[in-house]
Protein backbone atom coordinates (compact mmCIF):
# COMPACT_ATOMS: atom_id res chain seq x y z
CA UNK A 1 94.23 88.97 137.74
CA UNK A 2 94.83 92.28 135.99
CA UNK A 3 97.57 93.58 133.22
CA UNK A 4 98.55 96.50 136.06
CA UNK A 5 99.61 93.37 138.19
CA UNK A 6 102.09 92.34 135.59
CA UNK A 7 104.20 95.34 135.06
CA UNK A 8 103.10 96.19 132.10
CA UNK A 9 105.08 98.09 129.44
CA UNK A 10 104.18 100.28 126.19
CA UNK A 11 106.92 98.65 123.75
CA UNK A 12 108.23 100.91 120.12
CA UNK A 13 110.15 100.04 117.74
CA UNK A 14 113.79 101.54 118.77
CA UNK A 15 113.63 104.39 116.30
CA UNK A 16 110.36 105.28 116.55
CA UNK A 17 109.62 108.32 118.77
CA UNK A 18 109.12 108.63 122.29
CA UNK A 19 105.30 108.54 122.25
CA UNK A 20 104.73 105.66 119.53
CA UNK A 21 102.75 102.78 121.55
CA UNK A 22 103.07 100.01 118.78
CA UNK A 23 103.19 97.17 121.63
CA UNK A 24 102.92 96.01 125.12
CA UNK A 25 105.44 93.56 127.14
CA UNK A 26 104.21 92.48 130.97
CA UNK A 27 104.89 89.61 132.75
CA UNK A 28 103.90 86.27 132.17
CA UNK A 29 100.93 85.45 134.14
CA UNK A 30 101.81 82.30 135.10
CA UNK A 31 105.98 82.33 135.89
CA UNK A 32 106.04 86.27 136.71
CA UNK A 33 109.59 86.03 136.11
CA UNK A 34 109.43 85.74 131.75
CA UNK A 35 108.32 88.75 129.81
CA UNK A 36 105.74 88.48 126.82
CA UNK A 37 105.04 90.93 124.36
CA UNK A 38 102.56 91.53 121.23
CA UNK A 39 102.58 94.21 118.32
CA UNK A 40 99.45 96.12 117.93
CA UNK A 41 98.01 96.25 114.27
CA UNK A 42 97.28 99.51 115.14
CA UNK A 43 99.21 101.36 117.73
CA UNK A 44 97.85 103.77 120.38
CA UNK A 45 99.67 106.34 118.94
CA UNK A 46 99.73 107.81 115.86
CA UNK A 47 102.34 106.21 114.60
CA UNK A 48 102.35 102.98 112.24
CA UNK A 49 102.66 99.41 113.61
CA UNK A 50 106.17 98.00 113.51
CA UNK A 51 107.56 96.29 110.65
CA UNK A 52 107.40 92.50 112.25
CA UNK A 53 109.78 90.87 109.60
CA UNK A 54 112.84 93.81 109.71
CA UNK A 55 112.61 94.11 113.39
CA UNK A 56 113.34 90.19 114.32
CA UNK A 57 116.85 90.52 116.24
CA UNK A 58 116.53 94.58 116.66
CA UNK A 59 116.74 96.63 119.81
CA UNK A 60 113.59 97.68 121.25
CA UNK A 61 112.54 100.56 123.95
CA UNK A 62 109.92 99.33 126.16
CA UNK A 63 109.29 102.23 128.05
CA UNK A 64 112.04 102.44 130.21
CA UNK A 65 114.81 104.83 129.95
CA UNK A 66 117.79 102.53 131.54
CA UNK A 67 116.83 99.58 129.72
CA UNK A 68 116.45 98.86 126.34
CA UNK A 69 116.15 95.05 125.50
CA UNK A 70 117.19 93.02 123.00
CA UNK A 71 114.25 90.94 121.28
CA UNK A 72 115.23 87.63 122.56
CA UNK A 73 115.11 88.68 126.63
CA UNK A 74 111.05 88.76 125.86
CA UNK A 75 108.95 86.07 124.20
CA UNK A 76 106.96 88.44 121.29
CA UNK A 77 104.46 86.80 118.54
CA UNK A 78 105.37 86.97 114.87
CA UNK A 79 102.12 88.83 114.38
CA UNK A 80 100.09 91.40 114.74
CA UNK A 81 97.12 91.68 117.42
CA UNK A 82 93.92 93.49 117.51
CA UNK A 83 93.54 96.01 119.90
CA UNK A 84 90.78 98.25 121.84
CA UNK A 85 91.62 100.45 124.25
CA UNK A 86 94.28 103.00 125.08
CA UNK A 87 95.37 101.91 128.67
CA UNK A 88 96.51 99.10 130.56
CA UNK A 89 93.16 99.47 132.45
CA UNK A 90 90.97 99.10 129.05
CA UNK A 91 93.53 97.00 126.90
CA UNK A 92 91.15 94.29 124.50
CA UNK A 93 93.45 91.81 122.22
CA UNK A 94 92.20 89.29 120.00
CA UNK A 95 93.11 86.95 119.24
CA UNK A 96 94.63 84.88 122.29
CA UNK A 97 97.97 85.29 123.37
CA UNK A 98 99.68 81.75 122.92
CA UNK A 99 102.99 81.53 124.59
CA UNK A 100 102.72 78.27 125.61
CA UNK A 101 105.42 77.24 122.79
CA UNK A 102 107.85 78.89 125.33
CA UNK A 103 106.49 76.82 127.98
CA UNK A 104 104.48 80.44 129.04
CA UNK A 105 101.18 81.52 129.61
CA UNK A 106 97.88 81.22 126.60
CA UNK A 107 94.97 83.48 127.25
CA UNK A 108 93.17 86.77 126.57
CA UNK A 109 93.54 90.06 127.24
CA UNK A 110 89.86 91.81 127.86
CA UNK A 111 89.33 94.96 129.21
CA UNK A 112 92.41 94.99 131.20
CA UNK A 113 91.65 91.41 132.48
CA UNK A 114 93.77 88.43 132.20
CA UNK A 115 91.64 85.61 131.57
């Protein structure tokens, strides 16, 4: 399965400029009904990483002008992931994405592939 099959969206701090790609949300590969999210240690743009402690409970913009979900609507990890690649097709993240404590997927995103 590819990340592009899971409706990926770039995510940013609500106050960040539109080009700030500080993180990513995507449909859970197992259930495809819940969105999972991660924050990058080095955003895809020149904007700094999100301050996770400050943004808990804040509104976020997930690359859809008609929808700005509350943090509770997406299962975000409470840390930064190391990112390589700058598109949904080439993105790799480490360590693994573990949402099993929410009853969802645990696995890797490697070169745009869900493994």
